Amino acid sequence: MYYICSMRSRKMYNRVAILRQEKGMSRKELAEKIGVNFQTVGYLEREEYNPSLDLAFRISENFGLPIEFIFSTEPLKPLIEEIIHLKNKLGEL
């Protein structure tokens, strides 16, 4: 007996727009670097599209950051809060 499981996709939050803007890149430039259409970058930035695992890795590699810093299933904190949290965490070591 086979069961068909209906899995709903979870909402993904990301920092793609912020990171792209900090690098001074256009959507088209980022799209060319990661091998997608510039419209895909727009969908990602508006969180209307969840990337495949492969695309998430390409984005991560492009920015030189871990995937979990760019993508999350929970709303992301502002970058300054994240940096302060990491600084405090490193200070405890």
Foldseek 3Di string as FASTA:
>chain_A
DDDDDDDDDFQKDFCLVVLCVVVVHQLCRVCVQLVHHSVVSVCVNVSVDDDDPSSLVSSCVVSVHDSVNTMDSDDDDPPVVVVVVVVVVVVVD
